[in-house]
Amino acid sequence: MDEPIVVRDARRDGAAALDRLEARCRAEGLAEAVVMELRVVAEEVLTNVAKYAFEPGVAPAVELRVSFTQNAARLEFRDEGRAFDPLGEPSPDLHLHPEERPIGGLGLTLVRALVDEARYEREQGANVLRLVKRRAAQ
């Protein structure tokens, strides 16, 4: 596994982290569609950490570990913010008219749709979200 991508403040440094992720994925030879989907997934996770995981005034730090196998890319996001299992949240009812739906949840639905495996754990005071995306675009 390569050195983690350390994001000291997801609000300020998120775009640079996403560029580094994208570069690693391209260097690994992933299909362009997979690279873009992983960037969207990572952007959604970093945005959620930046907005919701930490108290105001606290820099939302995240560590992103990226690894590759012959068949897949694996992303592991680790932050020490408030405990939150994004996979435990219910998906929004997309059959409701947008004005009738509660705000939120669409980003997590997008993340679930773009990855092939997702797992959350709370480990030693940290949120750990592990995502797997197959190399071949679906």
Protein backbone atom coordinates (compact mmCIF):
# COMPACT_ATOMS: atom_id res chain seq x y z
CA MET A 1 0.00 0.00 0.00
CA ASP A 2 1.31 3.45 -0.90
CA GLU A 3 1.70 6.25 1.59
CA PRO A 4 -1.69 7.47 2.74
CA ILE A 5 -3.10 10.70 1.39
CA VAL A 6 -3.28 12.85 4.50
CA VAL A 7 -5.91 15.56 4.38
CA ARG A 8 -5.27 17.93 7.28
CA ASP A 9 -8.40 19.97 6.56
CA ALA A 10 -10.96 18.46 4.19
CA ARG A 11 -12.53 21.89 3.60
CA ARG A 12 -9.26 23.45 2.46
CA ASP A 13 -7.23 20.51 1.13
CA GLY A 14 -9.91 18.24 -0.34
CA ALA A 15 -9.36 19.18 -4.00
CA ALA A 16 -5.61 18.51 -3.81
CA ALA A 17 -6.28 15.14 -2.17
CA LEU A 18 -8.72 14.24 -4.94
CA ASP A 19 -6.12 15.17 -7.56
CA ARG A 20 -3.59 12.88 -5.85
CA LEU A 21 -6.13 10.04 -5.76
CA GLU A 22 -6.91 10.53 -9.43
CA ALA A 23 -3.19 10.51 -10.33
CA ARG A 24 -2.62 7.26 -8.40
CA CYS A 25 -5.58 5.61 -10.08
CA ARG A 26 -4.37 6.63 -13.54
CA ALA A 27 -0.81 5.48 -12.75
CA GLU A 28 -2.30 2.12 -11.78
CA GLY A 29 -3.95 1.89 -15.21
CA LEU A 30 -7.59 2.05 -14.14
CA ALA A 31 -10.17 2.75 -16.83
CA GLU A 32 -11.08 6.44 -17.07
CA ALA A 33 -14.68 5.74 -16.04
CA VAL A 34 -13.46 3.99 -12.88
CA VAL A 35 -11.05 6.85 -12.10
CA MET A 36 -13.87 9.39 -12.36
CA GLU A 37 -16.26 7.30 -10.28
CA LEU A 38 -13.65 6.92 -7.53
CA ARG A 39 -13.06 10.67 -7.56
CA VAL A 40 -16.80 11.31 -7.16
CA VAL A 41 -16.99 8.79 -4.31
CA ALA A 42 -13.97 10.28 -2.53
CA GLU A 43 -15.29 13.82 -3.00
CA GLU A 44 -18.61 12.86 -1.43
CA VAL A 45 -16.93 11.20 1.56
CA LEU A 46 -14.52 14.11 2.12
CA THR A 47 -17.37 16.62 1.81
CA ASN A 48 -19.43 14.76 4.40
CA VAL A 49 -16.49 14.61 6.81
CA ALA A 50 -15.83 18.32 6.28
CA LYS A 51 -19.47 19.27 6.90
CA TYR A 52 -20.59 16.89 9.62
CA ALA A 53 -17.85 14.91 11.40
CA PHE A 54 -16.22 17.62 13.50
CA GLU A 55 -17.23 20.46 15.78
CA PRO A 56 -17.07 23.97 14.25
CA GLY A 57 -13.55 25.36 14.42
CA VAL A 58 -11.91 21.92 14.33
CA ALA A 59 -10.03 21.04 11.14
CA PRO A 60 -11.71 17.97 9.59
CA ALA A 61 -8.66 15.73 9.15
CA VAL A 62 -8.95 12.54 7.11
CA GLU A 63 -6.48 9.86 6.14
CA LEU A 64 -7.16 8.17 2.80
CA ARG A 65 -5.39 4.90 2.10
CA VAL A 66 -5.47 3.68 -1.48
CA SER A 67 -4.48 0.21 -2.60
CA PHE A 68 -4.89 -1.85 -5.72
CA THR A 69 -5.23 -5.52 -6.49
CA GLN A 70 -5.34 -7.16 -9.87
CA ASN A 71 -9.14 -6.83 -9.84
CA ALA A 72 -10.01 -3.80 -7.72
CA ALA A 73 -9.18 -0.46 -6.18
CA ARG A 74 -9.63 -0.13 -2.42
CA LEU A 75 -10.18 3.15 -0.59
CA GLU A 76 -10.05 3.44 3.18
CA PHE A 77 -11.13 6.70 4.80
CA ARG A 78 -10.23 7.22 8.46
CA ASP A 79 -11.23 10.22 10.58
CA GLU A 80 -11.50 10.88 14.30
CA GLY A 81 -14.72 12.85 14.09
CA ARG A 82 -18.10 12.04 15.62
CA ALA A 83 -19.07 8.38 15.32
CA PHE A 84 -21.20 7.99 12.21
CA ASP A 85 -21.99 4.92 10.13
CA PRO A 86 -22.90 6.26 6.68
CA LEU A 87 -23.91 2.78 5.55
CA GLY A 88 -26.45 2.51 8.36
CA GLU A 89 -28.43 5.46 7.09
CA PRO A 90 -31.59 4.62 5.13
CA SER A 91 -31.63 5.44 1.45
CA PRO A 92 -33.99 8.26 0.51
CA ASP A 93 -37.27 7.30 -1.09
CA LEU A 94 -36.62 8.38 -4.66
CA HIS A 95 -40.24 7.68 -5.58
CA LEU A 96 -41.35 10.69 -3.55
CA HIS A 97 -41.52 14.06 -5.22
CA PRO A 98 -38.34 16.03 -4.35
CA GLU A 99 -40.30 18.54 -2.24
CA GLU A 100 -41.68 15.66 -0.14
CA ARG A 101 -38.29 14.04 0.60
CA PRO A 102 -36.22 14.99 3.62
CA ILE A 103 -33.02 16.86 2.78
CA GLY A 104 -29.88 14.75 2.55
CA GLY A 105 -28.92 11.19 1.81
CA LEU A 106 -28.49 11.48 -1.93
CA GLY A 107 -24.69 11.61 -1.76
CA LEU A 108 -24.52 8.43 0.30
CA THR A 109 -26.87 6.77 -2.18
CA LEU A 110 -24.51 7.79 -4.97
CA VAL A 111 -21.52 6.36 -3.08
CA ARG A 112 -23.31 3.04 -2.56
CA ALA A 113 -24.24 2.91 -6.25
CA LEU A 114 -20.69 3.59 -7.49
CA VAL A 115 -18.79 1.02 -5.40
CA ASP A 116 -18.98 -2.76 -5.36
CA GLU A 117 -18.36 -3.23 -1.63
CA ALA A 118 -18.66 -0.94 1.37
CA ARG A 119 -17.96 -1.52 5.04
CA TYR A 120 -17.90 0.80 8.07
CA GLU A 121 -16.33 0.21 11.47
CA ARG A 122 -15.55 2.35 14.48
CA GLU A 123 -11.96 1.47 15.42
CA GLN A 124 -10.12 2.98 18.39
CA GLY A 125 -12.11 6.21 18.27
CA ALA A 126 -11.98 6.55 14.49
CA ASN A 127 -14.56 6.21 11.74
CA VAL A 128 -13.22 3.79 9.14
CA LEU A 129 -15.01 3.50 5.82
CA ARG A 130 -13.66 0.88 3.41
CA LEU A 131 -14.81 0.92 -0.20
CA VAL A 132 -13.96 -1.42 -3.06
CA LYS A 133 -14.42 -0.70 -6.75
CA ARG A 134 -13.74 -3.32 -9.41
CA ARG A 135 -11.24 -2.27 -12.06
CA ALA A 136 -13.60 -2.98 -14.95
CA ALA A 137 -16.29 -0.34 -15.41
CA GLN A 138 -19.75 -1.79 -14.83
